[in-house]
């Protein structure tokens, strides 16, 4: 079952945003309404068993990461709309059902049809449910985040069921195992192609790392292979969601001392690992967070356009926006010291090795604005985003900074909803964390 029309509560919220934009920002409202409706009308599939499956857009699969971000802005309405709340709860159930099938997979099929990105992928597990098995730490953080946000914004708790508890245990198992990838993990991933970022080196096991307290990731949220396998922003996300689990299982909702203790141990260990091993210096000698490290003295100074990203650390809840190390990191990321920062005639911001050079991502621009603490910055970026949509009134994956008619992914729901969340943030309408 799919949505054939926009629910009344969503239509009313769209009108509220339109009224707030007024004549001065009518183009903002036009794009907001197109993006906000598009996700519901084109990507959401509700099943008879109460679960919800979300297409990422132009790929016929559901990503644990993308699906969370796609529904996040609807949480501000869900508290007053039980049916919308049910749709999001159904997504949480579907996410944890998938986690219980395979916690190392990043994307899944709607049914066990054996469809896959590449049928020749090699790994240590296979299932007809799996669209892709690139292990990404953030893929396991996002379902926990959504489960928490649904509770925080609506008060409902029925999605904290047996499948949720089982999935959380599997997530903890993986995070703990991957704290010592070389000695404890059986995971590997090989894709036979000529694109280096599509596969892991060392027969699919990745490049060497030391034990640091952080947890290993094979791939970034861009689905590109890590250069050094402690992906710092993903580990920041782990710290945040382990805090959620401590509250959920520490008696606020459920009572499981073992899960709460394991979550706390991971939170402390990963945070200590970040603060001890993931700090480096920029070219001006300022202390900053690296994007990746291996614990062996190597650092990758950059940022990527997806979330989690270093730019998104306050958005995720890892630190405050005025944290000195974050601010120094931010200055570095928004400069040519970041090899994926681009400036052009129409746009400037952070791009990605996942897309062509000089392509900036609307997702990254939205995060840059929402973490700036400045309304003028948000307004400027909103203006730039609607001016570079190539007349579609929707967002894209990446946009050529010198020619906005050149872009990747015409149908990309996550990017659409990040634009919506940015506009909501401008009017101080935020998802409770």
Protein backbone atom coordinates (compact mmCIF):
# COMPACT_ATOMS: atom_id res chain seq x y z
CA UNK A 1 0.00 0.00 0.00
CA UNK A 2 1.35 3.41 -0.94
CA UNK A 3 0.15 6.94 -0.29
CA UNK A 4 -2.09 8.13 -3.11
CA UNK A 5 -2.54 11.58 -1.62
CA UNK A 6 -0.85 13.74 0.98
CA UNK A 7 -2.38 13.20 4.45
CA UNK A 8 -4.35 16.11 5.86
CA UNK A 9 -1.83 16.69 8.67
CA UNK A 10 1.02 16.89 6.17
CA UNK A 11 -0.94 19.21 3.88
CA UNK A 12 -1.68 21.47 6.85
CA UNK A 13 2.00 21.54 7.81
CA UNK A 14 2.97 22.38 4.24
CA UNK A 15 0.51 25.29 4.36
CA UNK A 16 2.03 26.42 7.64
CA UNK A 17 5.48 26.53 6.06
CA UNK A 18 4.07 28.34 3.02
CA UNK A 19 2.54 30.99 5.29
CA UNK A 20 5.81 31.40 7.19
CA UNK A 21 7.73 31.86 3.93
CA UNK A 22 5.30 34.49 2.69
CA UNK A 23 5.87 36.35 -0.54
CA UNK A 24 9.50 37.06 0.28
CA UNK A 25 10.48 33.39 0.24
CA UNK A 26 7.81 31.90 -2.01
CA UNK A 27 10.40 29.82 -3.85
CA UNK A 28 11.49 28.21 -0.61
CA UNK A 29 7.90 27.15 0.00
CA UNK A 30 7.47 25.84 -3.54
CA UNK A 31 10.48 23.55 -3.17
CA UNK A 32 9.54 22.55 0.36
CA UNK A 33 6.07 21.46 -0.70
CA UNK A 34 7.42 19.49 -3.66
CA UNK A 35 10.10 17.75 -1.57
CA UNK A 36 7.92 17.12 1.49
CA UNK A 37 5.18 15.48 -0.56
CA UNK A 38 7.54 13.58 -2.85
CA UNK A 39 8.90 11.24 -0.20
CA UNK A 40 5.45 10.13 0.94
CA UNK A 41 4.00 9.79 -2.53
CA UNK A 42 6.93 8.07 -4.25
CA UNK A 43 9.05 6.12 -1.74
CA UNK A 44 6.84 4.85 1.11
CA UNK A 45 5.36 1.36 0.92
CA UNK A 46 3.20 0.20 3.84
CA UNK A 47 2.70 -3.51 4.30
CA UNK A 48 -0.30 -5.36 5.71
CA UNK A 49 1.73 -6.58 8.69
CA UNK A 50 2.25 -2.97 9.79
CA UNK A 51 5.84 -2.62 8.58
CA UNK A 52 7.02 0.12 6.24
CA UNK A 53 9.53 -0.13 3.39
CA UNK A 54 11.14 3.00 1.91
CA UNK A 55 12.80 3.18 -1.46
CA UNK A 56 15.84 5.43 -1.46
CA UNK A 57 14.53 6.95 -4.69
CA UNK A 58 15.90 5.83 -8.02
CA UNK A 59 17.33 2.56 -6.63
CA UNK A 60 14.81 -0.24 -5.87
CA UNK A 61 16.13 -0.94 -2.37
CA UNK A 62 15.93 0.40 1.18
CA UNK A 63 18.99 1.74 2.98
CA UNK A 64 18.90 1.68 6.78
CA UNK A 65 20.57 5.10 6.75
CA UNK A 66 18.55 6.84 4.05
CA UNK A 67 15.20 5.55 5.24
CA UNK A 68 15.71 7.12 8.67
CA UNK A 69 16.66 10.49 7.22
CA UNK A 70 13.77 10.32 4.76
CA UNK A 71 11.12 10.25 7.51
CA UNK A 72 12.87 12.31 10.19
CA UNK A 73 11.17 15.67 9.37
CA UNK A 74 7.73 14.02 9.61
CA UNK A 75 8.33 13.39 13.32
CA UNK A 76 7.26 16.93 14.17
CA UNK A 77 3.80 16.07 12.77
CA UNK A 78 3.62 12.46 13.96
CA UNK A 79 2.95 13.42 17.56
CA UNK A 80 -0.48 14.68 16.49
CA UNK A 81 -1.14 12.18 13.67
CA UNK A 82 -1.42 8.55 14.84
CA UNK A 83 -1.42 7.18 11.30
CA UNK A 84 1.80 8.97 10.39
CA UNK A 85 3.27 7.79 13.68
CA UNK A 86 2.23 4.23 12.75
CA UNK A 87 4.00 4.57 9.40
CA UNK A 88 7.25 5.58 11.11
CA UNK A 89 6.90 2.87 13.77
CA UNK A 90 6.43 0.40 10.92
CA UNK A 91 9.72 1.57 9.46
CA UNK A 92 11.49 1.01 12.78
CA UNK A 93 10.12 -2.54 12.84
CA UNK A 94 11.23 -3.16 9.27
CA UNK A 95 14.71 -1.79 10.00
CA UNK A 96 15.21 -4.05 12.98
CA UNK A 97 13.81 -7.01 11.05
CA UNK A 98 16.55 -6.36 8.50
CA UNK A 99 19.21 -5.94 11.20
CA UNK A 100 18.24 -9.35 12.55
CA UNK A 101 18.69 -10.84 9.08
CA UNK A 102 22.18 -9.37 8.69
CA UNK A 103 23.68 -6.52 10.74
CA UNK A 104 26.53 -6.13 8.24
CA UNK A 105 24.30 -5.22 5.28
CA UNK A 106 23.59 -1.63 4.34
CA UNK A 107 20.64 -2.06 1.91
CA UNK A 108 17.81 -4.56 1.56
CA UNK A 109 15.14 -5.76 -0.84
CA UNK A 110 11.43 -5.40 -0.15
CA UNK A 111 11.09 -9.18 -0.41
CA UNK A 112 13.60 -12.07 -0.65
CA UNK A 113 13.91 -11.83 -4.41
CA UNK A 114 17.70 -12.09 -4.66
CA UNK A 115 18.07 -8.73 -6.39
CA UNK A 116 21.43 -7.14 -5.75
CA UNK A 117 23.65 -4.26 -6.80
CA UNK A 118 26.23 -6.75 -8.10
CA UNK A 119 25.52 -10.51 -8.10
CA UNK A 120 29.26 -11.22 -8.13
CA UNK A 121 29.98 -9.57 -4.77
CA UNK A 122 31.95 -11.80 -2.40
CA UNK A 123 31.43 -11.77 1.36
CA UNK A 124 31.10 -14.17 4.29
CA UNK A 125 27.27 -14.21 4.27
CA UNK A 126 24.54 -14.03 1.65
CA UNK A 127 20.75 -13.81 1.67
CA UNK A 128 18.09 -13.10 -0.97
CA UNK A 129 17.05 -10.15 1.23
CA UNK A 130 20.36 -8.33 0.70
CA UNK A 131 20.71 -5.65 -1.95
CA UNK A 132 24.23 -4.77 -0.80
CA UNK A 133 26.53 -5.88 2.02
CA UNK A 134 28.90 -2.99 2.50
CA UNK A 135 29.39 -2.76 6.25
CA UNK A 136 28.94 0.83 7.44
CA UNK A 137 28.84 1.73 11.12
CA UNK A 138 26.21 4.40 10.54
CA UNK A 139 23.80 1.81 9.08
CA UNK A 140 23.44 0.39 12.59
CA UNK A 141 23.28 3.78 14.30
CA UNK A 142 20.38 5.13 12.27
CA UNK A 143 17.72 2.56 13.29
CA UNK A 144 18.55 3.18 16.97
CA UNK A 145 18.32 6.91 16.35
CA UNK A 146 14.92 6.62 14.67
CA UNK A 147 13.54 4.39 17.43
CA UNK A 148 14.64 6.97 20.01
CA UNK A 149 13.39 9.99 18.06
CA UNK A 150 9.99 8.39 17.56
CA UNK A 151 9.71 7.96 21.33
CA UNK A 152 11.11 11.43 22.07
CA UNK A 153 8.69 13.15 19.70
CA UNK A 154 5.51 11.10 20.18
CA UNK A 155 5.89 9.26 23.48
CA UNK A 156 5.05 5.91 21.92
CA UNK A 157 6.98 2.83 23.03
CA UNK A 158 5.32 -0.12 21.29
CA UNK A 159 8.13 -0.32 18.73
CA UNK A 160 10.54 -1.35 21.51
CA UNK A 161 9.48 -4.96 20.99
CA UNK A 162 11.28 -8.32 21.02
CA UNK A 163 12.66 -7.80 17.51
CA UNK A 164 14.05 -4.42 18.57
CA UNK A 165 15.75 -5.97 21.60
CA UNK A 166 17.18 -8.80 19.50
CA UNK A 167 18.42 -6.32 16.90
CA UNK A 168 20.07 -4.15 19.54
CA UNK A 169 21.94 -7.18 20.88
CA UNK A 170 23.18 -7.94 17.38
CA UNK A 171 24.29 -4.34 16.89
CA UNK A 172 26.22 -4.42 20.17
CA UNK A 173 27.81 -7.72 19.13
CA UNK A 174 29.01 -6.20 15.86
CA UNK A 175 30.31 -2.96 17.38
CA UNK A 176 32.21 -4.92 20.04
CA UNK A 177 33.59 -7.42 17.52
CA UNK A 178 34.76 -4.65 15.21
CA UNK A 179 36.71 -2.94 17.99
CA UNK A 180 39.34 -5.55 17.10
CA UNK A 181 38.61 -6.25 13.46
CA UNK A 182 41.76 -8.21 12.64
CA UNK A 183 41.48 -10.66 15.53
CA UNK A 184 37.73 -11.08 15.92
CA UNK A 185 35.87 -10.33 12.70
CA UNK A 186 35.06 -12.69 9.84
CA UNK A 187 33.63 -9.89 7.67
CA UNK A 188 35.12 -9.21 4.27
CA UNK A 189 33.80 -7.65 1.08
CA UNK A 190 35.13 -7.89 -2.46
CA UNK A 191 33.58 -6.43 -5.60
CA UNK A 192 35.34 -7.29 -8.82
CA UNK A 193 35.44 -3.96 -10.62
CA UNK A 194 37.89 -1.25 -11.63
CA UNK A 195 36.62 1.34 -9.12
CA UNK A 196 38.86 1.12 -6.02
CA UNK A 197 36.29 2.58 -3.63
CA UNK A 198 33.81 -0.23 -4.39
CA UNK A 199 35.84 -2.95 -2.69
CA UNK A 200 38.08 -3.46 0.33
CA UNK A 201 41.81 -4.12 -0.03
CA UNK A 202 43.64 -7.03 1.57
CA UNK A 203 41.27 -9.68 0.18
CA UNK A 204 38.28 -7.73 1.41
CA UNK A 205 39.48 -7.29 4.99
CA UNK A 206 40.63 -3.68 4.65
CA UNK A 207 43.91 -1.96 5.46
CA UNK A 208 45.59 -2.59 8.85
CA UNK A 209 44.40 -0.84 12.00
CA UNK A 210 45.46 -0.78 15.63
CA UNK A 211 43.05 -1.37 18.51
CA UNK A 212 41.94 2.08 19.70
CA UNK A 213 38.58 1.66 21.43
CA UNK A 214 36.78 2.89 18.31
CA UNK A 215 34.81 0.49 16.12
CA UNK A 216 35.87 -0.41 12.58
CA UNK A 217 33.89 0.46 9.46
CA UNK A 218 34.43 -0.99 6.01
CA UNK A 219 32.65 1.78 4.14
CA UNK A 220 31.56 5.38 4.52
CA UNK A 221 27.91 6.51 4.39
CA UNK A 222 28.60 7.34 0.74
CA UNK A 223 29.03 3.55 0.25
CA UNK A 224 32.68 4.25 -0.68
CA UNK A 225 35.43 2.23 0.98
CA UNK A 226 37.22 3.87 3.88
CA UNK A 227 40.86 4.78 3.39
CA UNK A 228 41.58 4.26 7.11
CA UNK A 229 38.93 2.19 8.82
CA UNK A 230 38.17 4.17 11.95
CA UNK A 231 35.62 6.50 10.41
CA UNK A 232 35.52 9.27 12.99
CA UNK A 233 32.08 10.84 12.35
CA UNK A 234 30.50 7.37 12.34
CA UNK A 235 32.15 6.67 15.69
CA UNK A 236 30.79 9.98 16.97
CA UNK A 237 27.35 8.72 15.98
CA UNK A 238 28.00 5.51 17.95
CA UNK A 239 28.69 7.57 21.07
CA UNK A 240 25.35 9.36 20.68
CA UNK A 241 23.17 6.31 20.03
CA UNK A 242 24.80 4.30 22.82
CA UNK A 243 23.59 7.07 25.10
CA UNK A 244 20.08 6.48 23.74
CA UNK A 245 20.36 2.76 24.51
CA UNK A 246 21.51 3.48 28.06
CA UNK A 247 18.30 5.43 28.62
CA UNK A 248 16.03 2.97 26.81
CA UNK A 249 17.34 -0.09 28.67
CA UNK A 250 18.26 1.65 31.91
CA UNK A 251 14.67 1.76 33.12
CA UNK A 252 13.22 4.72 31.27
CA UNK A 253 11.45 2.38 28.85
CA UNK A 254 12.89 -1.13 29.24
CA UNK A 255 14.88 -2.70 32.04
CA UNK A 256 17.88 -4.72 30.90
CA UNK A 257 21.00 -4.08 32.93
CA UNK A 258 23.22 -6.12 30.59
CA UNK A 259 22.33 -4.12 27.46
CA UNK A 260 22.56 -0.83 29.33
CA UNK A 261 26.01 -1.74 30.69
CA UNK A 262 27.30 -2.87 27.27
CA UNK A 263 26.03 0.35 25.70
CA UNK A 264 27.73 2.44 28.36
CA UNK A 265 31.01 0.57 27.94
CA UNK A 266 30.90 1.14 24.18
CA UNK A 267 30.01 4.80 24.59
CA UNK A 268 32.94 5.42 26.91
CA UNK A 269 35.42 3.32 24.94
CA UNK A 270 34.54 4.82 21.57
CA UNK A 271 34.51 8.38 22.88
CA UNK A 272 37.87 7.92 24.58
CA UNK A 273 39.19 6.41 21.35
CA UNK A 274 38.04 9.42 19.35
CA UNK A 275 39.52 11.94 21.74
CA UNK A 276 42.82 10.08 22.06
CA UNK A 277 43.40 8.79 18.52
CA UNK A 278 41.31 10.88 16.10
CA UNK A 279 42.74 14.32 16.78
CA UNK A 280 45.35 15.77 14.47
CA UNK A 281 46.39 19.27 13.36
CA UNK A 282 45.53 21.33 10.32
CA UNK A 283 48.06 23.31 8.29
CA UNK A 284 47.74 26.23 10.74
CA UNK A 285 48.63 24.01 13.67
CA UNK A 286 45.12 23.94 15.15
CA UNK A 287 43.83 20.75 16.75
CA UNK A 288 41.06 19.23 14.62
CA UNK A 289 39.23 15.95 14.22
CA UNK A 290 40.41 13.72 11.39
CA UNK A 291 37.80 12.20 9.09
CA UNK A 292 39.49 8.79 9.32
CA UNK A 293 42.41 7.26 11.13
CA UNK A 294 43.90 3.80 11.58
CA UNK A 295 45.40 4.25 15.04
CA UNK A 296 48.81 3.71 13.43
CA UNK A 297 49.62 7.38 12.87
CA UNK A 298 47.76 7.96 9.62
CA UNK A 299 45.01 10.58 9.31
CA UNK A 300 42.65 11.61 6.53
CA UNK A 301 41.87 15.34 6.69
CA UNK A 302 38.67 15.83 4.70
CA UNK A 303 34.93 15.55 5.01
CA UNK A 304 32.30 13.83 2.94
CA UNK A 305 28.85 15.06 1.99
CA UNK A 306 26.80 12.42 3.71
CA UNK A 307 25.69 12.21 7.33
CA UNK A 308 27.41 11.30 9.60
CA UNK A 309 30.13 13.77 8.66
CA UNK A 310 32.50 15.80 10.77
CA UNK A 311 30.49 18.91 9.89
CA UNK A 312 27.41 17.17 11.32
CA UNK A 313 28.87 16.44 14.79
CA UNK A 314 26.61 18.98 16.60
CA UNK A 315 23.61 17.97 14.46
CA UNK A 316 24.06 14.38 15.63
CA UNK A 317 24.54 15.47 19.23
CA UNK A 318 28.20 14.57 19.72
CA UNK A 319 29.33 18.06 20.68
CA UNK A 320 28.12 21.62 20.98
CA UNK A 321 28.34 23.93 17.93
CA UNK A 322 30.79 26.19 19.78
CA UNK A 323 33.19 23.40 20.79
CA UNK A 324 36.70 24.72 19.97
CA UNK A 325 37.92 21.54 18.27
CA UNK A 326 34.74 21.37 16.22
CA UNK A 327 35.07 25.00 15.16
CA UNK A 328 38.68 24.50 14.07
CA UNK A 329 37.63 21.37 12.20
CA UNK A 330 34.79 23.27 10.55
CA UNK A 331 37.11 26.02 9.35
CA UNK A 332 39.38 23.38 7.86
CA UNK A 333 36.55 21.57 6.11
CA UNK A 334 35.31 24.80 4.52
CA UNK A 335 38.68 25.53 2.96
CA UNK A 336 40.85 24.10 0.24
CA UNK A 337 42.59 21.97 2.87
CA UNK A 338 39.58 19.71 2.40
CA UNK A 339 40.18 18.16 -1.04
CA UNK A 340 36.42 17.91 -1.57
CA UNK A 341 35.58 21.54 -0.89
CA UNK A 342 34.67 23.36 -4.09
CA UNK A 343 33.83 26.93 -5.03
CA UNK A 344 32.24 27.94 -8.32
CA UNK A 345 29.98 30.46 -10.02
CA UNK A 346 26.75 29.18 -8.45
CA UNK A 347 27.70 27.19 -5.35
CA UNK A 348 30.42 26.60 -2.81
CA UNK A 349 30.54 23.77 -0.32
CA UNK A 350 31.53 20.18 0.30
CA UNK A 351 31.36 17.51 -2.36
CA UNK A 352 32.42 13.88 -2.36
CA UNK A 353 34.72 11.38 -4.05
CA UNK A 354 31.47 9.52 -4.76
CA UNK A 355 30.48 12.12 -7.37
CA UNK A 356 32.47 14.04 -10.02
CA UNK A 357 34.94 16.76 -8.99
CA UNK A 358 33.40 20.20 -8.39
CA UNK A 359 30.00 18.76 -7.57
CA UNK A 360 28.63 20.04 -4.24
CA UNK A 361 25.93 18.12 -2.34
CA UNK A 362 22.71 19.74 -1.06
CA UNK A 363 22.90 17.39 1.95
CA UNK A 364 26.27 18.90 2.90
CA UNK A 365 24.99 22.43 2.35
CA UNK A 366 21.99 21.76 4.58
CA UNK A 367 24.26 20.45 7.35
CA UNK A 368 26.64 23.38 6.94
CA UNK A 369 23.71 25.76 7.40
CA UNK A 370 22.06 23.97 10.32
CA UNK A 371 25.33 23.80 12.27
CA UNK A 372 26.26 27.43 11.59
CA UNK A 373 24.05 28.97 14.27
CA UNK A 374 23.36 31.85 11.89
CA UNK A 375 20.03 32.63 10.25
CA UNK A 376 21.78 34.60 7.51
CA UNK A 377 23.82 31.53 6.60
CA UNK A 378 20.70 29.37 6.50
CA UNK A 379 18.87 31.90 4.34
CA UNK A 380 21.77 32.22 1.93
CA UNK A 381 22.04 28.44 1.49
CA UNK A 382 18.28 28.08 1.08
CA UNK A 383 18.44 30.71 -1.66
CA UNK A 384 21.31 28.88 -3.36
CA UNK A 385 19.54 25.51 -3.19
CA UNK A 386 16.34 26.71 -4.81
CA UNK A 387 18.34 28.66 -7.41
CA UNK A 388 20.29 25.54 -8.45
CA UNK A 389 17.53 22.91 -8.62
CA UNK A 390 17.58 22.96 -12.45
CA UNK A 391 13.89 23.85 -12.48
CA UNK A 392 12.82 20.57 -10.85
CA UNK A 393 11.82 22.02 -7.43
CA UNK A 394 13.59 18.97 -5.97
CA UNK A 395 17.08 18.40 -4.60
CA UNK A 396 19.74 16.19 -6.12
CA UNK A 397 22.76 14.23 -4.99
CA UNK A 398 25.50 16.48 -6.38
CA UNK A 399 25.40 19.70 -8.41
CA UNK A 400 28.10 21.18 -10.65
CA UNK A 401 29.20 24.41 -8.95
CA UNK A 402 29.55 26.11 -12.33
CA UNK A 403 26.51 24.66 -14.13
CA UNK A 404 23.47 23.62 -12.04
CA UNK A 405 21.88 21.93 -15.05
CA UNK A 406 24.48 19.21 -14.47
CA UNK A 407 23.63 17.06 -11.46
CA UNK A 408 23.47 13.47 -10.26
CA UNK A 409 20.31 11.63 -9.15
CA UNK A 410 17.10 13.35 -10.13
CA UNK A 411 15.14 11.31 -7.57
CA UNK A 412 16.98 11.27 -4.24
CA UNK A 413 14.62 11.36 -1.28
CA UNK A 414 17.24 11.86 1.44
CA UNK A 415 18.43 15.08 -0.18
CA UNK A 416 14.85 16.32 -0.57
CA UNK A 417 14.15 15.82 3.11
CA UNK A 418 17.40 17.49 4.23
CA UNK A 419 16.26 20.60 2.37
CA UNK A 420 12.94 20.38 4.23
CA UNK A 421 14.66 19.97 7.57
CA UNK A 422 16.84 23.00 6.88
CA UNK A 423 13.85 25.18 6.06
CA UNK A 424 12.06 23.94 9.18
CA UNK A 425 15.16 24.75 11.22
CA UNK A 426 15.18 28.28 9.82
CA UNK A 427 11.72 28.76 11.35
CA UNK A 428 12.84 27.07 14.61
CA UNK A 429 10.80 23.92 13.98
CA UNK A 430 13.00 21.02 15.05
CA UNK A 431 12.81 17.32 15.76
CA UNK A 432 13.23 16.71 19.48
CA UNK A 433 16.42 14.82 20.28
